[in-house]
Amino acid sequence: MNYTKQQWRYHGVTPVKGRKLLLLQADELLVAIPLMYRIILQNKKDHRLEWFNYAESKKDQELKFITLSTQLSLMAKKHKDKQDDSEALQYLNVLLNDHFSDYGWRMIRKELAQIKKRRKKSHIELSNDLIYRLKRLMSLKQLDSFDQTIDYLLSENEDNCLEKSKL
């Protein structure tokens, strides 16, 4: 899929400093679609009025809402079926750009970044004895984190298994 990043078209003054806002990218769809559904629900809009563009009549707003939710459904189906969704994504981005204010999109990007960050991490429970042993190994081998320590142990184990298989 040949897709370039779409820039946000600012409704107000385009900022001179800082990062430019980006619209959705194909690799963010899995996380973004449920977030979009949660945010665009009509009852949520009342709590976040500054997140949305309300320049149109009530009827136009409802039509935009229906169009946006339909496009989100289509994107979810295409993404699930692993179909080429670059044109549909571009259209979805146009709809999102029209639907949200500059401030609203900035807040959505922050939420998206938090969700993506949380998905990268896993939490495991270890007994206090194992944590103590890992900390002792960290100090002996001068390792900075539990990640490095576990990586070190796994590498050592893999090396030992390779040596044993050669024998």
N, C-alpha and C. Protein backbone atom coordinates (compact mmCIF):
# COMPACT_ATOMS: atom_id res chain seq x y z
N MET A 1 0.84 -1.17 0.00
CA MET A 1 0.00 0.00 0.00
C MET A 1 0.89 1.24 0.00
N ASN A 2 0.72 2.10 -0.97
CA ASN A 2 1.52 3.31 -1.11
C ASN A 2 0.73 4.47 -0.52
N TYR A 3 0.99 4.82 0.72
CA TYR A 3 0.20 5.83 1.41
C TYR A 3 1.12 6.87 2.04
N THR A 4 0.84 8.14 1.78
CA THR A 4 1.61 9.20 2.41
C THR A 4 0.79 9.79 3.54
N LYS A 5 1.48 10.36 4.51
CA LYS A 5 0.80 10.93 5.67
C LYS A 5 0.01 12.17 5.25
N GLN A 6 -1.24 12.20 5.71
CA GLN A 6 -2.09 13.35 5.40
C GLN A 6 -1.97 14.36 6.53
N GLN A 7 -1.74 15.60 6.17
CA GLN A 7 -1.64 16.69 7.14
C GLN A 7 -3.05 17.18 7.50
N TRP A 8 -3.19 17.62 8.72
CA TRP A 8 -4.43 18.24 9.18
C TRP A 8 -4.56 19.61 8.52
N ARG A 9 -5.75 19.92 8.01
CA ARG A 9 -6.03 21.26 7.48
C ARG A 9 -6.63 22.08 8.61
N TYR A 10 -5.90 23.08 9.07
CA TYR A 10 -6.32 23.87 10.23
C TYR A 10 -7.53 24.73 9.89
N HIS A 11 -8.46 24.82 10.86
CA HIS A 11 -9.66 25.64 10.69
C HIS A 11 -9.39 27.07 11.10
N GLY A 12 -8.53 27.22 12.07
CA GLY A 12 -8.17 28.55 12.56
C GLY A 12 -6.81 28.94 12.01
N VAL A 13 -6.03 29.55 12.87
CA VAL A 13 -4.69 29.98 12.49
C VAL A 13 -3.75 28.78 12.52
N THR A 14 -2.98 28.60 11.47
CA THR A 14 -2.00 27.51 11.40
C THR A 14 -0.84 27.86 12.32
N PRO A 15 -0.51 26.99 13.27
CA PRO A 15 0.59 27.29 14.19
C PRO A 15 1.93 27.37 13.45
N VAL A 16 2.79 28.27 13.94
CA VAL A 16 4.10 28.44 13.32
C VAL A 16 5.11 27.50 13.97
N LYS A 17 4.94 27.27 15.27
CA LYS A 17 5.87 26.42 16.01
C LYS A 17 5.20 25.09 16.34
N GLY A 18 6.03 24.13 16.70
CA GLY A 18 5.53 22.83 17.12
C GLY A 18 5.28 21.89 15.96
N ARG A 19 4.87 20.69 16.33
CA ARG A 19 4.58 19.68 15.31
C ARG A 19 3.28 19.97 14.63
N LYS A 20 3.24 19.69 13.36
CA LYS A 20 2.00 19.81 12.59
C LYS A 20 1.14 18.58 12.90
N LEU A 21 -0.15 18.80 12.99
CA LEU A 21 -1.06 17.69 13.25
C LEU A 21 -1.18 16.80 12.01
N LEU A 22 -1.26 15.52 12.25
CA LEU A 22 -1.47 14.55 11.17
C LEU A 22 -2.83 13.90 11.33
N LEU A 23 -3.40 13.52 10.22
CA LEU A 23 -4.63 12.75 10.24
C LEU A 23 -4.29 11.28 10.44
N LEU A 24 -5.29 10.43 10.41
CA LEU A 24 -5.06 9.00 10.67
C LEU A 24 -4.19 8.35 9.60
N GLN A 25 -3.41 7.38 10.04
CA GLN A 25 -2.59 6.58 9.14
C GLN A 25 -3.10 5.14 9.19
N ALA A 26 -2.78 4.39 8.17
CA ALA A 26 -3.31 3.02 8.04
C ALA A 26 -2.94 2.15 9.24
N ASP A 27 -1.73 2.31 9.78
CA ASP A 27 -1.32 1.46 10.90
C ASP A 27 -1.97 1.86 12.22
N GLU A 28 -2.72 2.95 12.25
CA GLU A 28 -3.40 3.39 13.47
C GLU A 28 -4.87 2.98 13.51
N LEU A 29 -5.37 2.42 12.43
CA LEU A 29 -6.80 2.15 12.33
C LEU A 29 -7.32 1.21 13.41
N LEU A 30 -6.55 0.20 13.72
CA LEU A 30 -6.99 -0.78 14.72
C LEU A 30 -7.29 -0.12 16.06
N VAL A 31 -6.50 0.87 16.41
CA VAL A 31 -6.67 1.58 17.67
C VAL A 31 -7.64 2.75 17.50
N ALA A 32 -7.59 3.42 16.35
CA ALA A 32 -8.33 4.67 16.16
C ALA A 32 -9.83 4.48 15.98
N ILE A 33 -10.24 3.44 15.30
CA ILE A 33 -11.67 3.28 15.00
C ILE A 33 -12.51 3.16 16.27
N PRO A 34 -12.15 2.31 17.24
CA PRO A 34 -12.96 2.28 18.47
C PRO A 34 -12.94 3.62 19.22
N LEU A 35 -11.80 4.31 19.19
CA LEU A 35 -11.70 5.62 19.83
C LEU A 35 -12.64 6.61 19.15
N MET A 36 -12.66 6.61 17.82
CA MET A 36 -13.53 7.53 17.08
C MET A 36 -15.00 7.28 17.40
N TYR A 37 -15.39 6.01 17.42
CA TYR A 37 -16.78 5.68 17.75
C TYR A 37 -17.14 6.22 19.13
N ARG A 38 -16.24 6.03 20.07
CA ARG A 38 -16.50 6.47 21.44
C ARG A 38 -16.66 7.99 21.50
N ILE A 39 -15.85 8.71 20.74
CA ILE A 39 -15.85 10.17 20.81
C ILE A 39 -17.01 10.79 20.04
N ILE A 40 -17.37 10.23 18.90
CA ILE A 40 -18.40 10.89 18.07
C ILE A 40 -19.83 10.58 18.51
N LEU A 41 -20.00 9.71 19.48
CA LEU A 41 -21.37 9.44 19.95
C LEU A 41 -22.01 10.76 20.37
N GLN A 42 -23.25 10.93 20.00
CA GLN A 42 -23.94 12.20 20.23
C GLN A 42 -23.95 12.62 21.70
N ASN A 43 -24.15 11.68 22.62
CA ASN A 43 -24.21 12.06 24.02
C ASN A 43 -22.86 12.49 24.59
N LYS A 44 -21.76 12.11 23.95
CA LYS A 44 -20.43 12.53 24.39
C LYS A 44 -20.11 13.95 23.92
N LYS A 45 -20.75 14.38 22.84
CA LYS A 45 -20.46 15.70 22.28
C LYS A 45 -20.80 16.82 23.26
N ASP A 46 -21.82 16.62 24.06
CA ASP A 46 -22.23 17.67 24.99
C ASP A 46 -21.15 18.00 26.01
N HIS A 47 -20.32 17.04 26.33
CA HIS A 47 -19.24 17.24 27.31
C HIS A 47 -18.00 17.86 26.69
N ARG A 48 -17.87 17.78 25.38
CA ARG A 48 -16.66 18.25 24.69
C ARG A 48 -17.04 19.15 23.52
N LEU A 49 -17.79 20.17 23.75
CA LEU A 49 -18.28 21.04 22.67
C LEU A 49 -17.15 21.66 21.86
N GLU A 50 -16.05 21.99 22.52
CA GLU A 50 -14.94 22.66 21.82
C GLU A 50 -14.15 21.70 20.92
N TRP A 51 -14.47 20.42 20.95
CA TRP A 51 -13.78 19.43 20.13
C TRP A 51 -14.36 19.35 18.71
N PHE A 52 -15.53 19.92 18.50
CA PHE A 52 -16.25 19.72 17.25
C PHE A 52 -16.49 21.03 16.52
N ASN A 53 -16.68 20.93 15.19
CA ASN A 53 -17.06 22.08 14.38
C ASN A 53 -18.58 22.15 14.33
N TYR A 54 -19.13 23.28 14.74
CA TYR A 54 -20.58 23.45 14.74
C TYR A 54 -21.02 24.64 13.90
N ALA A 55 -20.40 24.84 12.76
CA ALA A 55 -20.75 25.99 11.92
C ALA A 55 -22.03 25.74 11.12
N GLU A 56 -22.45 24.49 10.99
CA GLU A 56 -23.59 24.16 10.15
C GLU A 56 -24.87 24.08 10.98
N SER A 57 -25.98 23.87 10.25
CA SER A 57 -27.27 23.67 10.91
C SER A 57 -27.30 22.30 11.57
N LYS A 58 -28.28 22.08 12.39
CA LYS A 58 -28.44 20.81 13.10
C LYS A 58 -28.59 19.65 12.10
N LYS A 59 -29.34 19.89 11.02
CA LYS A 59 -29.56 18.86 10.01
C LYS A 59 -28.24 18.49 9.32
N ASP A 60 -27.41 19.49 8.99
CA ASP A 60 -26.11 19.24 8.37
C ASP A 60 -25.19 18.47 9.32
N GLN A 61 -25.26 18.80 10.60
CA GLN A 61 -24.44 18.10 11.59
C GLN A 61 -24.83 16.63 11.66
N GLU A 62 -26.12 16.35 11.66
CA GLU A 62 -26.60 14.96 11.71
C GLU A 62 -26.17 14.19 10.46
N LEU A 63 -26.24 14.85 9.31
CA LEU A 63 -25.82 14.21 8.07
C LEU A 63 -24.32 13.89 8.10
N LYS A 64 -23.52 14.84 8.60
CA LYS A 64 -22.08 14.61 8.73
C LYS A 64 -21.80 13.46 9.70
N PHE A 65 -22.55 13.40 10.79
CA PHE A 65 -22.38 12.33 11.77
C PHE A 65 -22.67 10.97 11.13
N ILE A 66 -23.76 10.89 10.38
CA ILE A 66 -24.13 9.62 9.73
C ILE A 66 -23.07 9.23 8.71
N THR A 67 -22.60 10.19 7.92
CA THR A 67 -21.58 9.92 6.91
C THR A 67 -20.29 9.44 7.57
N LEU A 68 -19.89 10.11 8.63
CA LEU A 68 -18.66 9.74 9.34
C LEU A 68 -18.78 8.35 9.96
N SER A 69 -19.88 8.06 10.62
CA SER A 69 -20.02 6.74 11.26
C SER A 69 -20.11 5.63 10.21
N THR A 70 -20.74 5.91 9.06
CA THR A 70 -20.78 4.93 7.98
C THR A 70 -19.38 4.66 7.43
N GLN A 71 -18.61 5.72 7.25
CA GLN A 71 -17.24 5.56 6.74
C GLN A 71 -16.36 4.82 7.74
N LEU A 72 -16.57 5.06 9.02
CA LEU A 72 -15.82 4.32 10.05
C LEU A 72 -16.14 2.83 9.97
N SER A 73 -17.42 2.51 9.78
CA SER A 73 -17.82 1.10 9.65
C SER A 73 -17.18 0.46 8.42
N LEU A 74 -17.19 1.18 7.31
CA LEU A 74 -16.58 0.69 6.08
C LEU A 74 -15.08 0.45 6.27
N MET A 75 -14.41 1.40 6.94
CA MET A 75 -12.97 1.26 7.19
C MET A 75 -12.68 0.04 8.07
N ALA A 76 -13.50 -0.16 9.08
CA ALA A 76 -13.31 -1.31 9.97
C ALA A 76 -13.45 -2.61 9.18
N LYS A 77 -14.45 -2.68 8.32
CA LYS A 77 -14.65 -3.89 7.51
C LYS A 77 -13.49 -4.11 6.55
N LYS A 78 -13.07 -3.05 5.84
CA LYS A 78 -11.96 -3.18 4.89
C LYS A 78 -10.67 -3.57 5.60
N HIS A 79 -10.44 -2.97 6.75
CA HIS A 79 -9.22 -3.28 7.49
C HIS A 79 -9.24 -4.73 7.98
N LYS A 80 -10.41 -5.17 8.44
CA LYS A 80 -10.56 -6.55 8.92
C LYS A 80 -10.34 -7.55 7.78
N ASP A 81 -10.87 -7.22 6.60
CA ASP A 81 -10.74 -8.09 5.43
C ASP A 81 -9.41 -7.92 4.71
N LYS A 82 -8.57 -7.05 5.23
CA LYS A 82 -7.23 -6.76 4.66
C LYS A 82 -7.32 -6.30 3.20
N GLN A 83 -8.32 -5.49 2.93
CA GLN A 83 -8.48 -4.90 1.60
C GLN A 83 -7.68 -3.61 1.52
N ASP A 84 -7.38 -3.17 0.31
CA ASP A 84 -6.71 -1.89 0.13
C ASP A 84 -7.67 -0.79 0.56
N ASP A 85 -7.27 -0.04 1.55
CA ASP A 85 -8.17 0.97 2.11
C ASP A 85 -7.60 2.38 2.03
N SER A 86 -6.63 2.62 1.14
CA SER A 86 -5.98 3.94 1.10
C SER A 86 -6.95 5.04 0.65
N GLU A 87 -7.78 4.79 -0.37
CA GLU A 87 -8.73 5.81 -0.81
C GLU A 87 -9.80 6.05 0.25
N ALA A 88 -10.29 4.97 0.84
CA ALA A 88 -11.30 5.10 1.90
C ALA A 88 -10.72 5.84 3.11
N LEU A 89 -9.45 5.59 3.39
CA LEU A 89 -8.80 6.28 4.51
C LEU A 89 -8.66 7.77 4.22
N GLN A 90 -8.32 8.11 2.99
CA GLN A 90 -8.23 9.53 2.63
C GLN A 90 -9.58 10.21 2.79
N TYR A 91 -10.64 9.55 2.36
CA TYR A 91 -11.98 10.11 2.50
C TYR A 91 -12.36 10.23 3.98
N LEU A 92 -12.06 9.21 4.76
CA LEU A 92 -12.32 9.26 6.20
C LEU A 92 -11.59 10.44 6.83
N ASN A 93 -10.35 10.65 6.44
CA ASN A 93 -9.58 11.76 6.98
C ASN A 93 -10.20 13.12 6.63
N VAL A 94 -10.74 13.24 5.43
CA VAL A 94 -11.42 14.48 5.05
C VAL A 94 -12.63 14.70 5.96
N LEU A 95 -13.39 13.63 6.19
CA LEU A 95 -14.56 13.72 7.07
C LEU A 95 -14.16 14.09 8.49
N LEU A 96 -13.09 13.47 9.00
CA LEU A 96 -12.62 13.78 10.35
C LEU A 96 -12.16 15.23 10.45
N ASN A 97 -11.48 15.69 9.41
CA ASN A 97 -10.99 17.07 9.40
C ASN A 97 -12.17 18.06 9.44
N ASP A 98 -13.25 17.72 8.76
CA ASP A 98 -14.44 18.58 8.77
C ASP A 98 -15.19 18.50 10.10
N HIS A 99 -15.17 17.34 10.71
CA HIS A 99 -15.99 17.09 11.91
C HIS A 99 -15.39 17.68 13.18
N PHE A 100 -14.05 17.63 13.29
CA PHE A 100 -13.40 18.06 14.54
C PHE A 100 -12.75 19.42 14.40
N SER A 101 -12.67 20.11 15.53
CA SER A 101 -11.94 21.38 15.57
C SER A 101 -10.45 21.10 15.70
N ASP A 102 -9.63 22.12 15.54
CA ASP A 102 -8.18 21.96 15.68
C ASP A 102 -7.85 21.44 17.08
N TYR A 103 -8.46 22.06 18.08
CA TYR A 103 -8.22 21.65 19.47
C TYR A 103 -8.69 20.21 19.69
N GLY A 104 -9.87 19.87 19.16
CA GLY A 104 -10.41 18.53 19.33
C GLY A 104 -9.50 17.47 18.72
N TRP A 105 -8.98 17.75 17.53
CA TRP A 105 -8.11 16.77 16.88
C TRP A 105 -6.80 16.62 17.64
N ARG A 106 -6.30 17.72 18.20
CA ARG A 106 -5.08 17.64 19.00
C ARG A 106 -5.31 16.73 20.22
N MET A 107 -6.47 16.85 20.85
CA MET A 107 -6.81 16.02 22.02
C MET A 107 -6.96 14.55 21.61
N ILE A 108 -7.56 14.32 20.45
CA ILE A 108 -7.73 12.95 19.95
C ILE A 108 -6.36 12.32 19.67
N ARG A 109 -5.46 13.09 19.06
CA ARG A 109 -4.11 12.57 18.79
C ARG A 109 -3.40 12.22 20.10
N LYS A 110 -3.62 13.03 21.14
CA LYS A 110 -3.01 12.72 22.45
C LYS A 110 -3.57 11.41 23.00
N GLU A 111 -4.88 11.25 22.93
CA GLU A 111 -5.49 10.00 23.41
C GLU A 111 -4.98 8.80 22.62
N LEU A 112 -4.87 8.96 21.31
CA LEU A 112 -4.38 7.89 20.45
C LEU A 112 -2.95 7.51 20.83
N ALA A 113 -2.11 8.51 21.07
CA ALA A 113 -0.72 8.26 21.46
C ALA A 113 -0.66 7.49 22.78
N GLN A 114 -1.53 7.85 23.73
CA GLN A 114 -1.57 7.16 25.01
C GLN A 114 -1.99 5.69 24.84
N ILE A 115 -3.00 5.46 24.02
CA ILE A 115 -3.47 4.09 23.78
C ILE A 115 -2.36 3.25 23.14
N LYS A 116 -1.71 3.81 22.12
CA LYS A 116 -0.63 3.09 21.44
C LYS A 116 0.52 2.81 22.41
N LYS A 117 0.82 3.75 23.27
CA LYS A 117 1.89 3.57 24.26
C LYS A 117 1.55 2.45 25.24
N ARG A 118 0.28 2.43 25.70
CA ARG A 118 -0.14 1.39 26.63
C ARG A 118 -0.10 0.01 26.00
N ARG A 119 -0.41 -0.08 24.72
CA ARG A 119 -0.42 -1.37 24.04
C ARG A 119 0.97 -1.94 23.84
N LYS A 120 1.99 -1.10 23.88
CA LYS A 120 3.36 -1.57 23.69
C LYS A 120 3.90 -2.25 24.93
N LYS A 121 3.29 -1.99 26.07
CA LYS A 121 3.81 -2.52 27.33
C LYS A 121 2.93 -3.65 27.83
N SER A 122 3.57 -4.59 28.49
CA SER A 122 2.86 -5.68 29.14
C SER A 122 3.25 -5.69 30.61
N HIS A 123 2.34 -6.16 31.41
CA HIS A 123 2.62 -6.23 32.84
C HIS A 123 2.53 -7.68 33.28
N ILE A 124 3.57 -8.13 33.95
CA ILE A 124 3.58 -9.48 34.48
C ILE A 124 3.79 -9.40 35.99
N GLU A 125 3.28 -10.38 36.67
CA GLU A 125 3.45 -10.42 38.12
C GLU A 125 4.56 -11.40 38.44
N LEU A 126 5.46 -10.97 39.32
CA LEU A 126 6.56 -11.81 39.77
C LEU A 126 6.57 -11.84 41.29
N SER A 127 7.04 -12.93 41.82
CA SER A 127 7.15 -13.01 43.27
C SER A 127 8.27 -12.09 43.75
N ASN A 128 8.21 -11.70 44.99
CA ASN A 128 9.25 -10.83 45.56
C ASN A 128 10.63 -11.48 45.49
N ASP A 129 10.66 -12.80 45.63
CA ASP A 129 11.94 -13.51 45.56
C ASP A 129 12.58 -13.35 44.18
N LEU A 130 11.79 -13.50 43.13
CA LEU A 130 12.32 -13.34 41.78
C LEU A 130 12.77 -11.90 41.53
N ILE A 131 12.02 -10.94 42.02
CA ILE A 131 12.41 -9.53 41.84
C ILE A 131 13.73 -9.26 42.55
N TYR A 132 13.89 -9.81 43.75
CA TYR A 132 15.14 -9.65 44.48
C TYR A 132 16.31 -10.26 43.71
N ARG A 133 16.09 -11.46 43.15
CA ARG A 133 17.15 -12.12 42.38
C ARG A 133 17.48 -11.33 41.10
N LEU A 134 16.44 -10.80 40.44
CA LEU A 134 16.68 -9.98 39.25
C LEU A 134 17.46 -8.71 39.59
N LYS A 135 17.12 -8.08 40.71
CA LYS A 135 17.83 -6.87 41.12
C LYS A 135 19.29 -7.17 41.45
N ARG A 136 19.52 -8.31 42.08
CA ARG A 136 20.89 -8.71 42.40
C ARG A 136 21.69 -8.93 41.12
N LEU A 137 21.09 -9.61 40.14
CA LEU A 137 21.74 -9.82 38.85
C LEU A 137 21.97 -8.48 38.13
N MET A 138 21.02 -7.56 38.26
CA MET A 138 21.17 -6.24 37.64
C MET A 138 22.40 -5.53 38.18
N SER A 139 22.60 -5.61 39.49
CA SER A 139 23.76 -4.93 40.07
C SER A 139 25.06 -5.65 39.72
N LEU A 140 25.05 -6.98 39.69
CA LEU A 140 26.25 -7.73 39.34
C LEU A 140 26.69 -7.49 37.89
N LYS A 141 25.73 -7.49 36.99
CA LYS A 141 26.04 -7.34 35.56
C LYS A 141 25.93 -5.89 35.09
N GLN A 142 25.66 -4.98 36.02
CA GLN A 142 25.52 -3.55 35.74
C GLN A 142 24.50 -3.28 34.64
N LEU A 143 23.32 -3.85 34.83
CA LEU A 143 22.21 -3.66 33.90
C LEU A 143 21.28 -2.58 34.47
N ASP A 144 20.64 -1.83 33.58
CA ASP A 144 19.87 -0.67 34.02
C ASP A 144 18.40 -0.95 34.30
N SER A 145 17.84 -1.98 33.69
CA SER A 145 16.40 -2.19 33.84
C SER A 145 16.08 -3.68 33.88
N PHE A 146 14.83 -3.96 34.26
CA PHE A 146 14.37 -5.34 34.25
C PHE A 146 14.35 -5.88 32.82
N ASP A 147 13.99 -5.01 31.86
CA ASP A 147 13.99 -5.43 30.45
C ASP A 147 15.37 -5.93 30.04
N GLN A 148 16.40 -5.17 30.37
CA GLN A 148 17.77 -5.57 30.01
C GLN A 148 18.17 -6.86 30.71
N THR A 149 17.76 -6.99 31.96
CA THR A 149 18.12 -8.17 32.74
C THR A 149 17.47 -9.42 32.16
N ILE A 150 16.20 -9.33 31.85
CA ILE A 150 15.50 -10.48 31.28
C ILE A 150 16.05 -10.80 29.90
N ASP A 151 16.35 -9.77 29.11
CA ASP A 151 16.96 -9.97 27.80
C ASP A 151 18.31 -10.67 27.94
N TYR A 152 19.10 -10.25 28.91
CA TYR A 152 20.40 -10.88 29.18
C TYR A 152 20.22 -12.36 29.52
N LEU A 153 19.27 -12.66 30.41
CA LEU A 153 19.04 -14.05 30.80
C LEU A 153 18.57 -14.90 29.62
N LEU A 154 17.69 -14.34 28.81
CA LEU A 154 17.20 -15.09 27.64
C LEU A 154 18.32 -15.33 26.63
N SER A 155 19.16 -14.33 26.44
CA SER A 155 20.30 -14.48 25.51
C SER A 155 21.26 -15.55 26.01
N GLU A 156 21.54 -15.54 27.30
CA GLU A 156 22.42 -16.55 27.89
C GLU A 156 21.83 -17.94 27.70
N ASN A 157 20.53 -18.05 27.92
CA ASN A 157 19.86 -19.34 27.77
C ASN A 157 19.92 -19.82 26.32
N GLU A 158 19.68 -18.90 25.38
CA GLU A 158 19.75 -19.27 23.96
C GLU A 158 21.16 -19.72 23.58
N ASP A 159 22.17 -19.03 24.09
CA ASP A 159 23.56 -19.39 23.81
C ASP A 159 23.87 -20.79 24.35
N ASN A 160 23.39 -21.07 25.58
CA ASN A 160 23.61 -22.39 26.17
C ASN A 160 22.91 -23.48 25.37
N CYS A 161 21.70 -23.20 24.90
CA CYS A 161 20.97 -24.19 24.11
C CYS A 161 21.70 -24.46 22.79
N LEU A 162 22.25 -23.43 22.16
CA LEU A 162 22.98 -23.61 20.91
C LEU A 162 24.23 -24.45 21.14
N GLU A 163 24.93 -24.19 22.22
CA GLU A 163 26.14 -24.95 22.53
C GLU A 163 25.81 -26.43 22.76
N LYS A 164 24.73 -26.68 23.48
CA LYS A 164 24.32 -28.06 23.76
C LYS A 164 23.90 -28.78 22.48
N SER A 165 23.28 -28.05 21.57
CA SER A 165 22.84 -28.70 20.34
C SER A 165 24.02 -29.04 19.42
N LYS A 166 25.13 -28.32 19.55
CA LYS A 166 26.31 -28.62 18.75
C LYS A 166 27.03 -29.87 19.24
N LEU A 167 26.84 -30.19 20.51
CA LEU A 167 27.51 -31.37 21.09
C LEU A 167 26.86 -32.62 20.69
